[in-house]
C-alpha atoms as a PDB file:
ATOM      1  CA  MET A   1       0.978  -3.135 -51.634  1.00  0.00           C
ATOM      2  CA  LYS A   2       1.750  -4.900 -54.967  1.00  0.00           C
ATOM      3  CA  ASN A   3       3.884  -3.226 -57.542  1.00  0.00           C
ATOM      4  CA  SER A   4       1.006  -3.126 -59.946  1.00  0.00           C
ATOM      5  CA  ASP A   5      -1.079  -1.287 -57.427  1.00  0.00           C
ATOM      6  CA  LYS A   6       1.467   1.350 -56.942  1.00  0.00           C
ATOM      7  CA  VAL A   7       1.752   1.711 -60.864  1.00  0.00           C
ATOM      8  CA  VAL A   8      -1.986   2.234 -61.216  1.00  0.00           C
ATOM      9  CA  GLY A   9      -1.829   5.111 -58.545  1.00  0.00           C
ATOM     10  CA  ILE A  10       1.076   6.758 -60.218  1.00  0.00           C
ATOM     11  CA  LEU A  11      -0.796   6.576 -63.474  1.00  0.00           C
ATOM     12  CA  TYR A  12      -3.804   8.366 -61.985  1.00  0.00           C
ATOM     13  CA  ILE A  13      -1.460  11.092 -60.882  1.00  0.00           C
ATOM     14  CA  VAL A  14       0.118  11.491 -64.372  1.00  0.00           C
ATOM     15  CA  ALA A  15      -3.368  11.598 -65.907  1.00  0.00           C
ATOM     16  CA  SER A  16      -4.366  14.291 -63.723  1.00  0.00           C
ATOM     17  CA  ILE A  17      -1.043  16.307 -64.504  1.00  0.00           C
ATOM     18  CA  LEU A  18      -2.047  15.900 -68.236  1.00  0.00           C
ATOM     19  CA  TYR A  19      -5.461  17.242 -67.660  1.00  0.00           C
ATOM     20  CA  PHE A  20      -4.073  20.201 -65.686  1.00  0.00           C
ATOM     21  CA  MET A  21      -1.791  20.950 -68.666  1.00  0.00           C
ATOM     22  CA  ALA A  22      -4.813  20.683 -71.021  1.00  0.00           C
ATOM     23  CA  THR A  23      -6.626  23.157 -68.723  1.00  0.00           C
ATOM     24  CA  ILE A  24      -3.889  25.777 -68.957  1.00  0.00           C
ATOM     25  CA  ILE A  25      -3.711  25.424 -72.692  1.00  0.00           C
ATOM     26  CA  SER A  26      -7.483  25.805 -72.955  1.00  0.00           C
ATOM     27  CA  PHE A  27      -7.559  28.917 -70.778  1.00  0.00           C
ATOM     28  CA  ILE A  28      -4.804  30.454 -72.788  1.00  0.00           C
ATOM     29  CA  GLY A  29      -6.780  29.749 -75.945  1.00  0.00           C
ATOM     30  CA  ASN A  30      -9.793  31.543 -74.402  1.00  0.00           C
ATOM     31  CA  ASN A  31     -11.744  28.291 -74.438  1.00  0.00           C
ATOM     32  CA  THR A  32     -12.907  28.486 -70.825  1.00  0.00           C
ATOM     33  CA  GLY A  33     -15.723  25.875 -71.169  1.00  0.00           C
ATOM     34  CA  MET A  34     -13.314  23.083 -71.911  1.00  0.00           C
ATOM     35  CA  GLY A  35     -10.841  24.399 -69.537  1.00  0.00           C
ATOM     36  CA  VAL A  36     -13.338  24.066 -66.719  1.00  0.00           C
ATOM     37  CA  ILE A  37     -14.205  20.539 -67.814  1.00  0.00           C
ATOM     38  CA  PHE A  38     -10.520  19.612 -67.959  1.00  0.00           C
ATOM     39  CA  LEU A  39      -9.898  21.060 -64.575  1.00  0.00           C
ATOM     40  CA  CYS A  40     -12.783  19.034 -63.076  1.00  0.00           C
ATOM     41  CA  LEU A  41     -11.403  15.859 -64.626  1.00  0.00           C
ATOM     42  CA  GLY A  42      -7.878  16.604 -63.409  1.00  0.00           C
ATOM     43  CA  LEU A  43      -9.252  17.125 -59.794  1.00  0.00           C
ATOM     44  CA  SER A  44     -11.193  13.948 -59.815  1.00  0.00           C
ATOM     45  CA  ASN A  45      -8.237  11.851 -61.047  1.00  0.00           C
ATOM     46  CA  LEU A  46      -6.089  13.523 -58.448  1.00  0.00           C
ATOM     47  CA  TYR A  47      -8.676  12.567 -55.622  1.00  0.00           C
ATOM     48  CA  LEU A  48      -9.008   9.029 -57.060  1.00  0.00           C
ATOM     49  CA  SER A  49      -5.162   8.631 -56.824  1.00  0.00           C
ATOM     50  CA  GLY A  50      -5.224   9.566 -53.292  1.00  0.00           C
ATOM     51  CA  VAL A  51      -7.995   7.414 -52.451  1.00  0.00           C
ATOM     52  CA  TYR A  52      -6.565   4.419 -54.280  1.00  0.00           C
ATOM     53  CA  LEU A  53      -3.138   4.809 -52.767  1.00  0.00           C
ATOM     54  CA  ASN A  54      -4.412   5.211 -49.250  1.00  0.00           C
ATOM     55  CA  LYS A  55      -6.800   2.190 -49.552  1.00  0.00           C
ATOM     56  CA  ASN A  56      -4.085  -0.076 -50.562  1.00  0.00           C
ATOM     57  CA  LYS A  57      -1.622   1.319 -47.975  1.00  0.00           C
ATOM     58  CA  LYS A  58      -4.369   0.437 -45.199  1.00  0.00           C
ATOM     59  CA  SER A  59      -4.953  -2.985 -46.552  1.00  0.00           C
ATOM     60  CA  LYS A  60      -1.482  -4.349 -45.639  1.00  0.00           C
END
């Protein structure tokens, strides 16, 4: 795995954490519609980071 591949995987994880923070802020502010959207985006980024990191780990 190249160093840039690892950075991309970590950036997916950071993006998902930021979406989860936006989810918490939206739920506290009683804006549940946007909270659900941010939750789905955070989960999809977390899934993509796992797939991306595992794909590159197996291609060694």
